[in-house]
Amino acid sequence: MRKDYERSLKALQDEVLVMGSMVEKSILWSVDALKNRDLELARQIIIGDEAINQKRFDIEEECIELIATQQPMAVDLRIIIAILNIVVDLERIGDHSEGIAKIAIMIGNEPPVKPLIDIPRMAERTVLMLREGLDSFIKRDVTLAKQVCDDDEGVDELYDQVFRELLLIMAENPKTIGRATRLIWAAHNLERSADRITNICERVVFIATGRMEDIGASKY
């Protein structure tokens, strides 16, 4: 009986990793669509977000069934509760990627206001945070989880840099305001995605210690 439960719990965690992989691709592809003006890719990301949403619902149903049938206690219950929260954050990150794809479509073939350098860097750092955050979840590695939260500062710094540069461009040429504003929205989606990953890492600490700690950057 216990072995069946452990297999079910492991399968549940594997599904979280599958969802994480779906979200990772969505992040990278959305920024590629933005950078390369690939409107077809952007549309595929928007359609694909439905699969991410469905994966969240499927995992939530499995969690509820496991709680109802196995009545887990102590750390096992914390794992399941953490998963219920983690999949919400993953789904929200998917929404942020969908938002970037929609921005890519809004911009369309308009001339760029600046080369996209720091926004792709933000995406790369966010994806690395996601990979390490989920790795800390699987390994129950509190030290790694806290390090990922510290790494959020790097994404914030890139966002601030993008924001300042685009404000300067808008000030110098008001005709760029619309296009520059959309790029700020895209960067903001990545910044918020990184914040969501710190939430995931906080759940890792919760699993290990039974306490919720605000170890991430300030959220708003």
N, C-alpha and C. Protein backbone atom coordinates (compact mmCIF):
# COMPACT_ATOMS: atom_id res chain seq x y z
N MET A 1 0.83 -1.21 0.00
CA MET A 1 0.00 0.00 0.00
C MET A 1 0.87 1.26 0.00
N ARG A 2 1.87 1.25 0.89
CA ARG A 2 2.77 2.39 0.97
C ARG A 2 3.53 2.57 -0.33
N LYS A 3 3.96 1.44 -0.93
CA LYS A 3 4.70 1.54 -2.19
C LYS A 3 3.84 2.13 -3.30
N ASP A 4 2.56 1.75 -3.32
CA ASP A 4 1.65 2.31 -4.32
C ASP A 4 1.52 3.81 -4.14
N TYR A 5 1.43 4.22 -2.88
CA TYR A 5 1.31 5.65 -2.59
C TYR A 5 2.57 6.40 -3.02
N GLU A 6 3.73 5.82 -2.73
CA GLU A 6 4.99 6.47 -3.09
C GLU A 6 5.12 6.59 -4.61
N ARG A 7 4.66 5.56 -5.32
CA ARG A 7 4.70 5.63 -6.79
C ARG A 7 3.77 6.73 -7.30
N SER A 8 2.61 6.84 -6.68
CA SER A 8 1.66 7.88 -7.08
C SER A 8 2.23 9.27 -6.82
N LEU A 9 2.91 9.43 -5.68
CA LEU A 9 3.49 10.72 -5.34
C LEU A 9 4.63 11.07 -6.30
N LYS A 10 5.43 10.07 -6.64
CA LYS A 10 6.52 10.31 -7.59
C LYS A 10 5.96 10.68 -8.96
N ALA A 11 4.91 9.98 -9.38
CA ALA A 11 4.29 10.29 -10.67
C ALA A 11 3.76 11.72 -10.69
N LEU A 12 3.24 12.14 -9.56
CA LEU A 12 2.72 13.51 -9.44
C LEU A 12 3.84 14.52 -9.61
N GLN A 13 4.97 14.26 -8.96
CA GLN A 13 6.11 15.16 -9.08
C GLN A 13 6.67 15.16 -10.50
N ASP A 14 6.64 14.00 -11.15
CA ASP A 14 7.08 13.94 -12.54
C ASP A 14 6.20 14.80 -13.43
N GLU A 15 4.91 14.83 -13.15
CA GLU A 15 3.99 15.65 -13.92
C GLU A 15 4.29 17.14 -13.73
N VAL A 16 4.73 17.51 -12.54
CA VAL A 16 5.13 18.90 -12.30
C VAL A 16 6.32 19.25 -13.18
N LEU A 17 7.27 18.32 -13.31
CA LEU A 17 8.43 18.56 -14.17
C LEU A 17 8.01 18.68 -15.64
N VAL A 18 7.04 17.86 -16.05
CA VAL A 18 6.53 17.95 -17.42
C VAL A 18 5.93 19.34 -17.65
N MET A 19 5.13 19.79 -16.69
CA MET A 19 4.54 21.12 -16.81
C MET A 19 5.61 22.19 -16.82
N GLY A 20 6.64 22.01 -16.00
CA GLY A 20 7.75 22.97 -15.99
C GLY A 20 8.44 23.05 -17.34
N SER A 21 8.59 21.91 -18.00
CA SER A 21 9.22 21.89 -19.32
C SER A 21 8.35 22.62 -20.34
N MET A 22 7.04 22.45 -20.25
CA MET A 22 6.11 23.16 -21.14
C MET A 22 6.22 24.67 -20.95
N VAL A 23 6.32 25.07 -19.71
CA VAL A 23 6.42 26.50 -19.39
C VAL A 23 7.76 27.06 -19.86
N GLU A 24 8.82 26.29 -19.66
CA GLU A 24 10.15 26.73 -20.10
C GLU A 24 10.16 27.01 -21.60
N LYS A 25 9.59 26.10 -22.37
CA LYS A 25 9.54 26.30 -23.82
C LYS A 25 8.71 27.54 -24.16
N SER A 26 7.63 27.73 -23.43
CA SER A 26 6.77 28.88 -23.70
C SER A 26 7.52 30.19 -23.47
N ILE A 27 8.34 30.25 -22.42
CA ILE A 27 9.13 31.45 -22.15
C ILE A 27 10.09 31.74 -23.30
N LEU A 28 10.88 30.73 -23.65
CA LEU A 28 11.90 30.92 -24.68
C LEU A 28 11.28 31.22 -26.04
N TRP A 29 10.24 30.49 -26.38
CA TRP A 29 9.62 30.68 -27.69
C TRP A 29 8.94 32.04 -27.80
N SER A 30 8.35 32.50 -26.70
CA SER A 30 7.67 33.80 -26.76
C SER A 30 8.66 34.92 -27.03
N VAL A 31 9.83 34.85 -26.41
CA VAL A 31 10.85 35.87 -26.63
C VAL A 31 11.46 35.73 -28.03
N ASP A 32 11.60 34.48 -28.50
CA ASP A 32 12.05 34.28 -29.88
C ASP A 32 11.06 34.91 -30.87
N ALA A 33 9.78 34.70 -30.59
CA ALA A 33 8.75 35.28 -31.47
C ALA A 33 8.83 36.80 -31.48
N LEU A 34 9.08 37.37 -30.30
CA LEU A 34 9.20 38.82 -30.18
C LEU A 34 10.44 39.33 -30.91
N LYS A 35 11.55 38.65 -30.70
CA LYS A 35 12.81 39.09 -31.29
C LYS A 35 12.83 38.93 -32.80
N ASN A 36 12.28 37.81 -33.29
CA ASN A 36 12.36 37.49 -34.72
C ASN A 36 11.12 37.89 -35.50
N ARG A 37 10.18 38.55 -34.85
CA ARG A 37 8.92 38.95 -35.48
C ARG A 37 8.22 37.76 -36.11
N ASP A 38 8.23 36.66 -35.36
CA ASP A 38 7.64 35.42 -35.85
C ASP A 38 6.20 35.35 -35.34
N LEU A 39 5.29 35.86 -36.13
CA LEU A 39 3.90 35.96 -35.70
C LEU A 39 3.23 34.59 -35.63
N GLU A 40 3.63 33.67 -36.50
CA GLU A 40 3.05 32.32 -36.47
C GLU A 40 3.45 31.61 -35.18
N LEU A 41 4.71 31.75 -34.78
CA LEU A 41 5.16 31.16 -33.52
C LEU A 41 4.40 31.77 -32.35
N ALA A 42 4.20 33.07 -32.40
CA ALA A 42 3.45 33.75 -31.34
C ALA A 42 2.04 33.17 -31.22
N ARG A 43 1.41 32.94 -32.36
CA ARG A 43 0.05 32.36 -32.33
C ARG A 43 0.06 30.95 -31.75
N GLN A 44 1.10 30.18 -32.06
CA GLN A 44 1.21 28.82 -31.53
C GLN A 44 1.36 28.84 -30.02
N ILE A 45 2.10 29.82 -29.51
CA ILE A 45 2.28 29.93 -28.06
C ILE A 45 0.94 30.24 -27.38
N ILE A 46 0.18 31.11 -27.98
CA ILE A 46 -1.13 31.48 -27.41
C ILE A 46 -2.04 30.26 -27.38
N ILE A 47 -2.05 29.49 -28.46
CA ILE A 47 -2.86 28.27 -28.50
C ILE A 47 -2.33 27.25 -27.49
N GLY A 48 -1.00 27.13 -27.41
CA GLY A 48 -0.38 26.16 -26.52
C GLY A 48 -0.60 26.44 -25.05
N ASP A 49 -0.95 27.68 -24.72
CA ASP A 49 -1.19 28.00 -23.31
C ASP A 49 -2.37 27.20 -22.76
N GLU A 50 -3.28 26.81 -23.61
CA GLU A 50 -4.42 26.00 -23.17
C GLU A 50 -3.94 24.66 -22.62
N ALA A 51 -2.89 24.10 -23.22
CA ALA A 51 -2.35 22.82 -22.74
C ALA A 51 -1.70 22.98 -21.37
N ILE A 52 -1.04 24.11 -21.15
CA ILE A 52 -0.45 24.39 -19.83
C ILE A 52 -1.54 24.51 -18.79
N ASN A 53 -2.61 25.22 -19.13
CA ASN A 53 -3.73 25.36 -18.20
C ASN A 53 -4.34 24.01 -17.86
N GLN A 54 -4.51 23.17 -18.88
CA GLN A 54 -5.10 21.85 -18.66
C GLN A 54 -4.20 20.99 -17.79
N LYS A 55 -2.90 21.10 -17.99
CA LYS A 55 -1.96 20.32 -17.17
C LYS A 55 -2.09 20.71 -15.70
N ARG A 56 -2.25 21.99 -15.45
CA ARG A 56 -2.47 22.43 -14.07
C ARG A 56 -3.70 21.78 -13.48
N PHE A 57 -4.81 21.80 -14.23
CA PHE A 57 -6.06 21.24 -13.71
C PHE A 57 -5.92 19.73 -13.46
N ASP A 58 -5.24 19.04 -14.37
CA ASP A 58 -5.05 17.59 -14.22
C ASP A 58 -4.25 17.27 -12.96
N ILE A 59 -3.19 18.03 -12.73
CA ILE A 59 -2.36 17.79 -11.55
C ILE A 59 -3.14 18.10 -10.28
N GLU A 60 -3.92 19.16 -10.30
CA GLU A 60 -4.73 19.49 -9.13
C GLU A 60 -5.72 18.37 -8.82
N GLU A 61 -6.33 17.80 -9.84
CA GLU A 61 -7.27 16.69 -9.62
C GLU A 61 -6.56 15.49 -9.02
N GLU A 62 -5.35 15.21 -9.50
CA GLU A 62 -4.58 14.09 -8.96
C GLU A 62 -4.20 14.33 -7.50
N CYS A 63 -3.86 15.57 -7.17
CA CYS A 63 -3.54 15.91 -5.78
C CYS A 63 -4.74 15.68 -4.87
N ILE A 64 -5.88 16.15 -5.32
CA ILE A 64 -7.10 16.00 -4.51
C ILE A 64 -7.44 14.53 -4.31
N GLU A 65 -7.29 13.75 -5.37
CA GLU A 65 -7.58 12.32 -5.26
C GLU A 65 -6.61 11.63 -4.30
N LEU A 66 -5.36 12.03 -4.35
CA LEU A 66 -4.36 11.43 -3.47
C LEU A 66 -4.65 11.77 -2.01
N ILE A 67 -5.04 13.01 -1.76
CA ILE A 67 -5.38 13.40 -0.39
C ILE A 67 -6.60 12.62 0.09
N ALA A 68 -7.60 12.49 -0.79
CA ALA A 68 -8.85 11.82 -0.40
C ALA A 68 -8.67 10.33 -0.16
N THR A 69 -7.83 9.70 -0.97
CA THR A 69 -7.70 8.24 -0.88
C THR A 69 -6.60 7.77 0.06
N GLN A 70 -5.58 8.60 0.25
CA GLN A 70 -4.42 8.17 1.04
C GLN A 70 -4.31 8.88 2.39
N GLN A 71 -5.00 9.99 2.53
CA GLN A 71 -4.95 10.77 3.77
C GLN A 71 -3.51 10.97 4.27
N PRO A 72 -2.67 11.57 3.45
CA PRO A 72 -1.26 11.74 3.83
C PRO A 72 -1.09 12.65 5.04
N MET A 73 -0.02 12.41 5.77
CA MET A 73 0.27 13.19 6.96
C MET A 73 1.64 13.83 6.85
N ALA A 74 1.89 14.81 7.71
CA ALA A 74 3.21 15.43 7.88
C ALA A 74 3.81 15.86 6.55
N VAL A 75 5.04 15.41 6.30
CA VAL A 75 5.79 15.93 5.15
C VAL A 75 5.12 15.57 3.84
N ASP A 76 4.49 14.37 3.76
CA ASP A 76 3.82 13.99 2.52
C ASP A 76 2.69 14.95 2.19
N LEU A 77 1.96 15.37 3.20
CA LEU A 77 0.88 16.33 2.98
C LEU A 77 1.45 17.68 2.54
N ARG A 78 2.58 18.06 3.12
CA ARG A 78 3.22 19.32 2.73
C ARG A 78 3.65 19.28 1.26
N ILE A 79 4.12 18.11 0.81
CA ILE A 79 4.53 17.98 -0.59
C ILE A 79 3.35 18.22 -1.52
N ILE A 80 2.23 17.59 -1.19
CA ILE A 80 1.05 17.72 -2.04
C ILE A 80 0.52 19.15 -2.02
N ILE A 81 0.49 19.75 -0.85
CA ILE A 81 0.05 21.15 -0.75
C ILE A 81 0.98 22.06 -1.55
N ALA A 82 2.28 21.78 -1.46
CA ALA A 82 3.25 22.57 -2.22
C ALA A 82 3.02 22.43 -3.72
N ILE A 83 2.74 21.21 -4.16
CA ILE A 83 2.48 20.98 -5.58
C ILE A 83 1.27 21.77 -6.04
N LEU A 84 0.22 21.79 -5.23
CA LEU A 84 -0.98 22.55 -5.58
C LEU A 84 -0.66 24.02 -5.80
N ASN A 85 0.28 24.54 -5.02
CA ASN A 85 0.67 25.94 -5.17
C ASN A 85 1.65 26.14 -6.33
N ILE A 86 2.56 25.19 -6.50
CA ILE A 86 3.57 25.30 -7.56
C ILE A 86 2.92 25.32 -8.93
N VAL A 87 1.91 24.47 -9.14
CA VAL A 87 1.30 24.42 -10.48
C VAL A 87 0.54 25.71 -10.79
N VAL A 88 0.05 26.38 -9.76
CA VAL A 88 -0.59 27.68 -9.98
C VAL A 88 0.45 28.68 -10.48
N ASP A 89 1.62 28.71 -9.84
CA ASP A 89 2.67 29.63 -10.27
C ASP A 89 3.16 29.29 -11.67
N LEU A 90 3.30 27.99 -11.97
CA LEU A 90 3.72 27.60 -13.32
C LEU A 90 2.69 28.05 -14.36
N GLU A 91 1.41 27.88 -14.03
CA GLU A 91 0.36 28.30 -14.96
C GLU A 91 0.40 29.80 -15.18
N ARG A 92 0.68 30.56 -14.13
CA ARG A 92 0.77 32.02 -14.25
C ARG A 92 1.97 32.42 -15.10
N ILE A 93 3.08 31.71 -14.96
CA ILE A 93 4.25 31.99 -15.81
C ILE A 93 3.88 31.75 -17.27
N GLY A 94 3.12 30.68 -17.51
CA GLY A 94 2.64 30.43 -18.86
C GLY A 94 1.80 31.59 -19.37
N ASP A 95 0.99 32.16 -18.49
CA ASP A 95 0.18 33.34 -18.87
C ASP A 95 1.07 34.51 -19.25
N HIS A 96 2.15 34.70 -18.48
CA HIS A 96 3.08 35.79 -18.80
C HIS A 96 3.73 35.58 -20.17
N SER A 97 4.07 34.33 -20.48
CA SER A 97 4.65 34.03 -21.80
C SER A 97 3.63 34.27 -22.90
N GLU A 98 2.39 33.87 -22.64
CA GLU A 98 1.32 34.15 -23.60
C GLU A 98 1.19 35.66 -23.81
N GLY A 99 1.36 36.42 -22.73
CA GLY A 99 1.29 37.87 -22.84
C GLY A 99 2.38 38.42 -23.75
N ILE A 100 3.58 37.85 -23.66
CA ILE A 100 4.67 38.29 -24.53
C ILE A 100 4.35 37.94 -25.99
N ALA A 101 3.77 36.77 -26.20
CA ALA A 101 3.39 36.38 -27.56
C ALA A 101 2.35 37.35 -28.13
N LYS A 102 1.41 37.76 -27.31
CA LYS A 102 0.40 38.72 -27.77
C LYS A 102 1.04 40.07 -28.09
N ILE A 103 2.05 40.44 -27.31
CA ILE A 103 2.77 41.69 -27.58
C ILE A 103 3.50 41.59 -28.91
N ALA A 104 4.09 40.42 -29.18
CA ALA A 104 4.77 40.21 -30.46
C ALA A 104 3.81 40.43 -31.63
N ILE A 105 2.57 39.96 -31.47
CA ILE A 105 1.56 40.14 -32.51
C ILE A 105 1.16 41.61 -32.61
N MET A 106 1.04 42.29 -31.46
CA MET A 106 0.69 43.71 -31.46
C MET A 106 1.74 44.54 -32.19
N ILE A 107 3.01 44.20 -31.95
CA ILE A 107 4.10 44.94 -32.60
C ILE A 107 4.15 44.62 -34.09
N GLY A 108 3.89 43.36 -34.41
CA GLY A 108 3.86 42.96 -35.81
C GLY A 108 5.16 43.25 -36.53
N ASN A 109 5.07 43.90 -37.64
CA ASN A 109 6.25 44.22 -38.45
C ASN A 109 6.70 45.67 -38.30
N GLU A 110 6.27 46.32 -37.22
CA GLU A 110 6.72 47.69 -36.99
C GLU A 110 8.23 47.71 -36.79
N PRO A 111 8.91 48.77 -37.22
CA PRO A 111 10.37 48.83 -37.05
C PRO A 111 10.75 48.83 -35.56
N PRO A 112 11.81 48.11 -35.20
CA PRO A 112 12.20 48.02 -33.78
C PRO A 112 12.73 49.35 -33.27
N VAL A 113 12.47 49.63 -31.99
CA VAL A 113 13.00 50.85 -31.39
C VAL A 113 14.43 50.66 -30.92
N LYS A 114 14.82 49.39 -30.69
CA LYS A 114 16.19 49.07 -30.28
C LYS A 114 16.41 47.58 -30.49
N PRO A 115 17.66 47.17 -30.65
CA PRO A 115 17.93 45.73 -30.73
C PRO A 115 17.53 45.05 -29.42
N LEU A 116 16.93 43.86 -29.53
CA LEU A 116 16.54 43.14 -28.32
C LEU A 116 17.72 42.32 -27.82
N ILE A 117 18.35 42.82 -26.78
CA ILE A 117 19.49 42.16 -26.18
C ILE A 117 19.18 41.75 -24.74
N ASP A 118 18.74 42.71 -23.94
CA ASP A 118 18.53 42.44 -22.51
C ASP A 118 17.26 41.64 -22.25
N ILE A 119 16.23 41.79 -23.07
CA ILE A 119 15.02 40.98 -22.86
C ILE A 119 15.31 39.50 -23.08
N PRO A 120 16.03 39.10 -24.15
CA PRO A 120 16.42 37.69 -24.24
C PRO A 120 17.30 37.23 -23.07
N ARG A 121 18.14 38.11 -22.57
CA ARG A 121 18.94 37.76 -21.39
C ARG A 121 18.05 37.51 -20.18
N MET A 122 17.04 38.34 -20.05
CA MET A 122 16.07 38.13 -18.96
C MET A 122 15.41 36.76 -19.09
N ALA A 123 15.05 36.40 -20.32
CA ALA A 123 14.41 35.11 -20.55
C ALA A 123 15.35 33.96 -20.18
N GLU A 124 16.62 34.08 -20.58
CA GLU A 124 17.58 33.02 -20.27
C GLU A 124 17.76 32.85 -18.76
N ARG A 125 17.85 33.97 -18.05
CA ARG A 125 18.02 33.90 -16.60
C ARG A 125 16.77 33.34 -15.93
N THR A 126 15.62 33.72 -16.45
CA THR A 126 14.37 33.24 -15.89
C THR A 126 14.24 31.73 -16.07
N VAL A 127 14.60 31.25 -17.25
CA VAL A 127 14.55 29.81 -17.52
C VAL A 127 15.53 29.06 -16.61
N LEU A 128 16.72 29.62 -16.41
CA LEU A 128 17.69 28.98 -15.52
C LEU A 128 17.14 28.92 -14.09
N MET A 129 16.51 30.00 -13.65
CA MET A 129 15.88 30.00 -12.34
C MET A 129 14.81 28.93 -12.24
N LEU A 130 14.02 28.79 -13.30
CA LEU A 130 12.95 27.79 -13.31
C LEU A 130 13.52 26.38 -13.20
N ARG A 131 14.54 26.09 -14.00
CA ARG A 131 15.16 24.76 -13.95
C ARG A 131 15.71 24.46 -12.56
N GLU A 132 16.43 25.42 -12.00
CA GLU A 132 17.05 25.18 -10.69
C GLU A 132 15.99 25.17 -9.58
N GLY A 133 14.94 25.97 -9.75
CA GLY A 133 13.87 25.97 -8.76
C GLY A 133 13.17 24.63 -8.70
N LEU A 134 12.87 24.05 -9.87
CA LEU A 134 12.23 22.73 -9.89
C LEU A 134 13.20 21.64 -9.46
N ASP A 135 14.48 21.82 -9.75
CA ASP A 135 15.49 20.88 -9.28
C ASP A 135 15.55 20.89 -7.75
N SER A 136 15.46 22.08 -7.16
CA SER A 136 15.47 22.17 -5.70
C SER A 136 14.22 21.51 -5.11
N PHE A 137 13.11 21.57 -5.84
CA PHE A 137 11.88 20.92 -5.39
C PHE A 137 12.04 19.40 -5.37
N ILE A 138 12.57 18.85 -6.44
CA ILE A 138 12.73 17.40 -6.52
C ILE A 138 13.74 16.90 -5.48
N LYS A 139 14.82 17.66 -5.28
CA LYS A 139 15.87 17.25 -4.36
C LYS A 139 15.62 17.69 -2.92
N ARG A 140 14.58 18.53 -2.72
CA ARG A 140 14.30 19.11 -1.40
C ARG A 140 15.53 19.89 -0.90
N ASP A 141 16.13 20.63 -1.82
CA ASP A 141 17.38 21.34 -1.56
C ASP A 141 17.07 22.79 -1.17
N VAL A 142 17.04 23.06 0.13
CA VAL A 142 16.70 24.39 0.62
C VAL A 142 17.76 25.41 0.24
N THR A 143 19.02 25.00 0.28
CA THR A 143 20.12 25.91 -0.07
C THR A 143 20.00 26.38 -1.51
N LEU A 144 19.72 25.44 -2.42
CA LEU A 144 19.55 25.79 -3.82
C LEU A 144 18.32 26.68 -4.01
N ALA A 145 17.25 26.36 -3.30
CA ALA A 145 16.03 27.16 -3.41
C ALA A 145 16.29 28.61 -3.03
N LYS A 146 17.03 28.81 -1.95
CA LYS A 146 17.32 30.17 -1.51
C LYS A 146 18.27 30.87 -2.48
N GLN A 147 19.17 30.11 -3.09
CA GLN A 147 20.07 30.71 -4.08
C GLN A 147 19.30 31.18 -5.31
N VAL A 148 18.31 30.39 -5.71
CA VAL A 148 17.47 30.79 -6.85
C VAL A 148 16.76 32.10 -6.54
N CYS A 149 16.27 32.23 -5.32
CA CYS A 149 15.61 33.48 -4.93
C CYS A 149 16.57 34.66 -4.99
N ASP A 150 17.81 34.43 -4.60
CA ASP A 150 18.81 35.49 -4.70
C ASP A 150 19.06 35.87 -6.16
N ASP A 151 19.01 34.88 -7.05
CA ASP A 151 19.25 35.13 -8.47
C ASP A 151 18.20 36.03 -9.09
N ASP A 152 17.05 36.15 -8.43
CA ASP A 152 15.98 37.01 -8.94
C ASP A 152 16.45 38.46 -9.05
N GLU A 153 17.42 38.85 -8.24
CA GLU A 153 17.93 40.22 -8.30
C GLU A 153 18.54 40.52 -9.67
N GLY A 154 19.17 39.52 -10.29
CA GLY A 154 19.76 39.72 -11.60
C GLY A 154 18.71 40.02 -12.66
N VAL A 155 17.57 39.35 -12.57
CA VAL A 155 16.47 39.61 -13.50
C VAL A 155 15.91 41.00 -13.25
N ASP A 156 15.78 41.37 -11.99
CA ASP A 156 15.27 42.71 -11.65
C ASP A 156 16.19 43.80 -12.20
N GLU A 157 17.49 43.57 -12.10
CA GLU A 157 18.45 44.57 -12.58
C GLU A 157 18.34 44.74 -14.10
N LEU A 158 18.18 43.62 -14.82
CA LEU A 158 18.01 43.71 -16.27
C LEU A 158 16.72 44.43 -16.62
N TYR A 159 15.67 44.16 -15.86
CA TYR A 159 14.40 44.83 -16.11
C TYR A 159 14.55 46.34 -15.92
N ASP A 160 15.21 46.73 -14.84
CA ASP A 160 15.42 48.16 -14.58
C ASP A 160 16.21 48.81 -15.72
N GLN A 161 17.19 48.07 -16.23
CA GLN A 161 18.00 48.59 -17.32
C GLN A 161 17.16 48.77 -18.59
N VAL A 162 16.36 47.76 -18.91
CA VAL A 162 15.48 47.85 -20.08
C VAL A 162 14.51 49.03 -19.92
N PHE A 163 13.95 49.16 -18.74
CA PHE A 163 12.98 50.22 -18.46
C PHE A 163 13.61 51.60 -18.67
N ARG A 164 14.81 51.79 -18.12
CA ARG A 164 15.48 53.09 -18.25
C ARG A 164 15.81 53.40 -19.70
N GLU A 165 16.34 52.41 -20.42
CA GLU A 165 16.72 52.63 -21.81
C GLU A 165 15.50 52.99 -22.67
N LEU A 166 14.40 52.30 -22.45
CA LEU A 166 13.21 52.56 -23.25
C LEU A 166 12.58 53.90 -22.90
N LEU A 167 12.65 54.29 -21.64
CA LEU A 167 12.16 55.61 -21.27
C LEU A 167 12.97 56.70 -21.96
N LEU A 168 14.27 56.50 -22.04
CA LEU A 168 15.14 57.48 -22.71
C LEU A 168 14.81 57.57 -24.20
N ILE A 169 14.58 56.41 -24.81
CA ILE A 169 14.22 56.39 -26.24
C ILE A 169 12.90 57.13 -26.47
N MET A 170 11.93 56.90 -25.58
CA MET A 170 10.63 57.58 -25.72
C MET A 170 10.77 59.08 -25.54
N ALA A 171 11.65 59.48 -24.61
CA ALA A 171 11.84 60.91 -24.36
C ALA A 171 12.49 61.59 -25.57
N GLU A 172 13.40 60.88 -26.23
CA GLU A 172 14.10 61.45 -27.37
C GLU A 172 13.24 61.46 -28.63
N ASN A 173 12.34 60.49 -28.74
CA ASN A 173 11.50 60.39 -29.93
C ASN A 173 10.10 59.92 -29.53
N PRO A 174 9.19 60.84 -29.32
CA PRO A 174 7.83 60.47 -28.89
C PRO A 174 7.11 59.52 -29.83
N LYS A 175 7.55 59.45 -31.08
CA LYS A 175 6.90 58.54 -32.03
C LYS A 175 7.13 57.07 -31.66
N THR A 176 8.10 56.82 -30.79
CA THR A 176 8.41 55.43 -30.42
C THR A 176 7.63 54.99 -29.18
N ILE A 177 6.83 55.86 -28.60
CA ILE A 177 6.20 55.56 -27.30
C ILE A 177 5.40 54.26 -27.33
N GLY A 178 4.59 54.07 -28.37
CA GLY A 178 3.77 52.87 -28.44
C GLY A 178 4.60 51.60 -28.47
N ARG A 179 5.58 51.56 -29.37
CA ARG A 179 6.42 50.36 -29.52
C ARG A 179 7.27 50.13 -28.27
N ALA A 180 7.83 51.21 -27.72
CA ALA A 180 8.68 51.07 -26.53
C ALA A 180 7.87 50.60 -25.33
N THR A 181 6.66 51.10 -25.21
CA THR A 181 5.81 50.69 -24.09
C THR A 181 5.51 49.20 -24.16
N ARG A 182 5.29 48.69 -25.36
CA ARG A 182 5.01 47.26 -25.49
C ARG A 182 6.22 46.42 -25.07
N LEU A 183 7.41 46.90 -25.37
CA LEU A 183 8.61 46.18 -24.94
C LEU A 183 8.76 46.21 -23.42
N ILE A 184 8.37 47.32 -22.81
CA ILE A 184 8.38 47.38 -21.34
C ILE A 184 7.42 46.35 -20.78
N TRP A 185 6.26 46.21 -21.41
CA TRP A 185 5.30 45.19 -20.96
C TRP A 185 5.91 43.79 -21.06
N ALA A 186 6.61 43.53 -22.16
CA ALA A 186 7.23 42.21 -22.35
C ALA A 186 8.27 41.95 -21.25
N ALA A 187 9.10 42.95 -20.98
CA ALA A 187 10.12 42.79 -19.93
C ALA A 187 9.46 42.60 -18.57
N HIS A 188 8.37 43.30 -18.35
CA HIS A 188 7.66 43.17 -17.07
C HIS A 188 7.10 41.76 -16.90
N ASN A 189 6.63 41.17 -17.98
CA ASN A 189 6.14 39.78 -17.90
C ASN A 189 7.24 38.83 -17.47
N LEU A 190 8.44 39.05 -17.95
CA LEU A 190 9.57 38.21 -17.54
C LEU A 190 9.95 38.46 -16.08
N GLU A 191 9.92 39.72 -15.69
CA GLU A 191 10.24 40.05 -14.29
C GLU A 191 9.25 39.39 -13.34
N ARG A 192 7.99 39.39 -13.71
CA ARG A 192 6.96 38.77 -12.89
C ARG A 192 7.11 37.25 -12.89
N SER A 193 7.53 36.69 -14.01
CA SER A 193 7.76 35.25 -14.08
C SER A 193 8.84 34.83 -13.09
N ALA A 194 9.91 35.62 -13.03
CA ALA A 194 10.98 35.32 -12.09
C ALA A 194 10.47 35.38 -10.64
N ASP A 195 9.60 36.34 -10.37
CA ASP A 195 9.02 36.43 -9.03
C ASP A 195 8.19 35.19 -8.71
N ARG A 196 7.48 34.67 -9.71
CA ARG A 196 6.69 33.45 -9.51
C ARG A 196 7.60 32.28 -9.16
N ILE A 197 8.78 32.26 -9.74
CA ILE A 197 9.72 31.17 -9.46
C ILE A 197 10.21 31.25 -8.01
N THR A 198 10.36 32.45 -7.48
CA THR A 198 10.73 32.55 -6.06
C THR A 198 9.62 31.99 -5.19
N ASN A 199 8.37 32.12 -5.62
CA ASN A 199 7.27 31.50 -4.88
C ASN A 199 7.44 29.99 -4.82
N ILE A 200 7.82 29.40 -5.96
CA ILE A 200 8.05 27.96 -6.01
C ILE A 200 9.13 27.55 -5.02
N CYS A 201 10.19 28.33 -4.98
CA CYS A 201 11.30 28.02 -4.07
C CYS A 201 10.88 28.15 -2.60
N GLU A 202 10.00 29.08 -2.32
CA GLU A 202 9.48 29.21 -0.96
C GLU A 202 8.71 27.96 -0.56
N ARG A 203 8.07 27.30 -1.53
CA ARG A 203 7.36 26.05 -1.23
C ARG A 203 8.34 24.92 -0.91
N VAL A 204 9.52 24.98 -1.51
CA VAL A 204 10.55 23.99 -1.19
C VAL A 204 10.95 24.11 0.28
N VAL A 205 11.12 25.33 0.73
CA VAL A 205 11.45 25.56 2.14
C VAL A 205 10.31 25.08 3.02
N PHE A 206 9.08 25.30 2.59
CA PHE A 206 7.91 24.85 3.34
C PHE A 206 7.90 23.33 3.49
N ILE A 207 8.22 22.62 2.40
CA ILE A 207 8.27 21.15 2.47
C ILE A 207 9.29 20.69 3.50
N ALA A 208 10.46 21.33 3.46
CA ALA A 208 11.56 20.88 4.31
C ALA A 208 11.38 21.27 5.77
N THR A 209 10.78 22.43 6.03
CA THR A 209 10.75 22.95 7.40
C THR A 209 9.35 23.02 7.99
N GLY A 210 8.34 23.00 7.14
CA GLY A 210 6.98 23.17 7.64
C GLY A 210 6.63 24.62 7.88
N ARG A 211 7.51 25.53 7.49
CA ARG A 211 7.26 26.96 7.71
C ARG A 211 7.28 27.69 6.37
N MET A 212 6.38 28.66 6.22
CA MET A 212 6.40 29.53 5.05
C MET A 212 7.29 30.73 5.34
N GLU A 213 8.27 30.95 4.46
CA GLU A 213 9.19 32.08 4.63
C GLU A 213 9.15 32.94 3.37
N ASP A 214 9.17 34.24 3.56
CA ASP A 214 9.25 35.17 2.43
C ASP A 214 10.72 35.38 2.10
N ILE A 215 11.26 34.47 1.27
CA ILE A 215 12.69 34.54 0.97
C ILE A 215 12.95 35.17 -0.38
N GLY A 216 11.89 35.51 -1.11
CA GLY A 216 12.07 36.10 -2.44
C GLY A 216 12.16 37.61 -2.37
N ALA A 217 12.32 38.18 -3.56
CA ALA A 217 12.32 39.63 -3.68
C ALA A 217 10.94 40.16 -3.36
N SER A 218 10.83 41.43 -3.08
CA SER A 218 9.54 42.03 -2.76
C SER A 218 8.58 41.85 -3.94
N LYS A 219 7.32 41.53 -3.63
CA LYS A 219 6.33 41.29 -4.68
C LYS A 219 5.27 42.36 -4.60
N TYR A 220 4.65 42.63 -5.73
CA TYR A 220 3.63 43.65 -5.76
C TYR A 220 2.56 43.28 -6.75
